[in-house]
Amino acid sequence: MTAAHTVCGYAAICGFIRCFLLAFVTIPVTCATDGCTDWADSCFLLVAEFYYTYVLMKFSSSPSAKVRQDLCLCFFWSIFLLVLRVWSTLMILGIVHRPAIYHTRGTAAMIANIFSGVILGTVFNALASYGSGVLLFCPKDRTSSPPEGLLTDAPNAAGDC
């Protein structure tokens, strides 16, 4: 396994912690303090994040050639989510105001959202973007060993970075 596999593993760990916080801290605190107006969206987000985390966990222990198609989807999804995470961070911190998308929460809900969304969510998406991008575009894992007597300094078929 390569360093990119390790990064995907760390992203999966961060994702599981984020899912745990969403399920047991952020969603209940938000519902208790600001009402449960968007609980269905929050539950959908929780299920989507858990599945995405599971996929990253699978990537962390699989050769990149076997999961290349899934890596492509994961990479573009993680880049999209990273851009949304930056936008969401700006709204949570009150730098950008879009009342139709996000309304400012109370103090307890805002602290829970900052910790789970801004800190863990950004780290999760950044690690997922980096890990899946390196595995997709610059795989360093070799699927088979070269025949005896051949030099191994040449780049592999997918291209070394």
Protein backbone atom coordinates (compact mmCIF):
# COMPACT_ATOMS: atom_id res chain seq x y z
CA MET A 1 0.00 0.00 0.00
CA THR A 2 1.08 3.57 -0.63
CA ALA A 3 0.91 6.86 1.21
CA ALA A 4 -2.26 7.72 -0.73
CA HIS A 5 -3.90 4.56 0.63
CA THR A 6 -2.95 5.73 4.12
CA VAL A 7 -4.46 9.17 3.44
CA CYS A 8 -7.71 7.52 2.31
CA GLY A 9 -7.64 5.51 5.54
CA TYR A 10 -7.22 8.68 7.60
CA ALA A 11 -10.05 10.28 5.63
CA ALA A 12 -12.24 7.28 6.46
CA ILE A 13 -11.41 7.59 10.17
CA CYS A 14 -12.20 11.31 10.07
CA GLY A 15 -15.43 10.52 8.19
CA PHE A 16 -16.54 7.97 10.79
CA ILE A 17 -15.88 10.49 13.58
CA ARG A 18 -17.86 13.08 11.61
CA CYS A 19 -20.76 10.65 11.11
CA PHE A 20 -20.74 9.86 14.83
CA LEU A 21 -20.80 13.59 15.67
CA LEU A 22 -23.57 14.26 13.14
CA ALA A 23 -25.72 11.45 14.50
CA PHE A 24 -25.23 12.01 18.21
CA VAL A 25 -24.26 15.68 18.64
CA THR A 26 -24.87 18.05 15.73
CA ILE A 27 -28.32 16.88 14.60
CA PRO A 28 -29.77 16.52 18.14
CA VAL A 29 -28.30 19.86 19.29
CA THR A 30 -29.61 21.63 16.19
CA CYS A 31 -33.07 20.08 16.58
CA ALA A 32 -33.18 20.88 20.30
CA THR A 33 -32.12 24.51 19.95
CA ASP A 34 -33.44 25.57 16.52
CA GLY A 35 -36.21 23.07 15.87
CA CYS A 36 -36.31 20.11 13.53
CA THR A 37 -37.22 21.90 10.33
CA ASP A 38 -34.68 20.15 8.12
CA TRP A 39 -34.17 16.83 9.91
CA ALA A 40 -34.84 14.81 6.73
CA ASP A 41 -31.98 16.61 4.96
CA SER A 42 -29.74 15.99 7.96
CA CYS A 43 -30.55 12.27 8.00
CA PHE A 44 -29.93 12.02 4.24
CA LEU A 45 -26.60 13.80 4.75
CA LEU A 46 -25.70 11.34 7.50
CA VAL A 47 -26.43 8.29 5.32
CA ALA A 48 -24.56 9.80 2.34
CA GLU A 49 -21.53 10.67 4.49
CA PHE A 50 -21.48 7.18 6.03
CA TYR A 51 -21.56 5.52 2.59
CA TYR A 52 -18.87 7.87 1.27
CA THR A 53 -16.74 7.05 4.31
CA TYR A 54 -17.25 3.32 3.73
CA VAL A 55 -16.11 3.69 0.11
CA LEU A 56 -12.97 5.53 1.24
CA MET A 57 -12.28 2.77 3.74
CA LYS A 58 -12.53 0.27 0.89
CA PHE A 59 -10.08 2.32 -1.21
CA SER A 60 -7.55 2.41 1.61
CA SER A 61 -7.00 -1.34 1.32
CA SER A 62 -7.57 -1.97 -2.40
CA PRO A 63 -5.16 -1.72 -5.32
CA SER A 64 -5.93 1.42 -7.31
CA ALA A 65 -6.28 -0.51 -10.58
CA LYS A 66 -9.18 -2.57 -9.16
CA VAL A 67 -11.19 0.46 -8.01
CA ARG A 68 -10.23 2.94 -10.75
CA GLN A 69 -13.81 3.68 -11.89
CA ASP A 70 -14.97 4.21 -8.32
CA LEU A 71 -11.91 6.37 -7.67
CA CYS A 72 -12.90 8.66 -10.54
CA LEU A 73 -16.37 9.15 -9.09
CA CYS A 74 -14.98 9.58 -5.57
CA PHE A 75 -12.40 12.14 -6.69
CA PHE A 76 -14.88 14.36 -8.49
CA TRP A 77 -17.42 13.97 -5.68
CA SER A 78 -14.82 14.93 -3.07
CA ILE A 79 -13.71 17.99 -5.07
CA PHE A 80 -17.36 19.06 -5.40
CA LEU A 81 -17.92 18.54 -1.67
CA LEU A 82 -14.74 20.43 -0.82
CA VAL A 83 -15.97 23.46 -2.77
CA LEU A 84 -19.37 23.17 -1.04
CA ARG A 85 -17.60 22.80 2.31
CA VAL A 86 -15.75 26.10 1.75
CA TRP A 87 -19.05 27.80 0.82
CA SER A 88 -20.78 26.24 3.83
CA THR A 89 -17.93 27.35 6.10
CA LEU A 90 -18.31 30.93 4.92
CA MET A 91 -22.06 30.76 5.66
CA ILE A 92 -21.63 29.09 9.08
CA LEU A 93 -19.07 31.69 10.14
CA GLY A 94 -21.35 34.51 8.96
CA ILE A 95 -19.01 35.81 6.26
CA VAL A 96 -21.51 35.07 3.46
CA HIS A 97 -25.25 35.52 4.03
CA ARG A 98 -27.73 33.46 1.99
CA PRO A 99 -30.95 33.15 4.06
CA ALA A 100 -32.60 30.97 1.40
CA ILE A 101 -29.85 28.36 1.81
CA TYR A 102 -28.65 28.70 5.41
CA HIS A 103 -30.08 30.61 8.33
CA THR A 104 -27.83 31.55 11.23
CA ARG A 105 -28.19 29.13 14.10
CA GLY A 106 -28.10 29.65 17.84
CA THR A 107 -24.87 29.46 19.80
CA ALA A 108 -24.95 25.74 20.71
CA ALA A 109 -25.97 24.67 17.20
CA MET A 110 -23.37 26.96 15.67
CA ILE A 111 -20.59 25.51 17.84
CA ALA A 112 -21.67 21.97 16.90
CA ASN A 113 -21.79 22.94 13.21
CA ILE A 114 -18.37 24.60 13.38
CA PHE A 115 -16.78 21.55 14.96
CA SER A 116 -18.45 18.88 12.82
CA GLY A 117 -18.87 20.82 9.58
CA VAL A 118 -16.05 23.31 9.40
CA ILE A 119 -13.25 21.45 11.17
CA LEU A 120 -13.95 17.74 10.65
CA GLY A 121 -15.85 18.16 7.38
CA THR A 122 -13.12 20.21 5.74
CA VAL A 123 -10.35 17.87 6.91
CA PHE A 124 -12.40 14.86 5.77
CA ASN A 125 -13.03 16.28 2.29
CA ALA A 126 -9.47 17.56 1.87
CA LEU A 127 -7.99 14.16 2.78
CA ALA A 128 -10.50 12.37 0.55
CA SER A 129 -9.72 14.69 -2.38
CA TYR A 130 -5.98 14.29 -2.00
CA GLY A 131 -6.02 10.52 -1.42
CA SER A 132 -8.41 9.67 -4.22
CA GLY A 133 -6.71 12.13 -6.58
CA VAL A 134 -3.27 10.63 -6.04
CA LEU A 135 -4.62 7.09 -6.38
CA LEU A 136 -6.46 8.08 -9.56
CA PHE A 137 -3.86 10.18 -11.36
CA CYS A 138 -0.52 9.03 -9.90
CA PRO A 139 -0.88 5.47 -8.63
CA LYS A 140 2.32 4.22 -7.08
CA ASP A 141 1.06 0.75 -6.31
CA ARG A 142 1.99 -1.87 -8.86
CA THR A 143 -0.56 -4.51 -9.74
CA SER A 144 2.06 -7.06 -10.77
CA SER A 145 5.79 -7.49 -10.40
CA PRO A 146 8.02 -7.07 -13.47
CA PRO A 147 9.59 -10.13 -15.06
CA GLU A 148 13.07 -11.18 -13.88
CA GLY A 149 15.94 -9.26 -15.39
CA LEU A 150 14.01 -6.11 -16.36
CA LEU A 151 14.89 -2.74 -14.93
CA THR A 152 12.27 -1.48 -12.50
CA ASP A 153 13.14 2.22 -12.71
CA ALA A 154 10.79 2.85 -15.63
CA PRO A 155 7.40 4.36 -14.79
CA ASN A 156 4.45 1.99 -14.55
CA ALA A 157 1.72 1.93 -17.21
CA ALA A 158 -0.46 4.42 -15.33
CA GLY A 159 2.46 6.84 -14.95
CA ASP A 160 4.39 7.67 -11.82
CA CYS A 161 4.35 11.17 -10.44
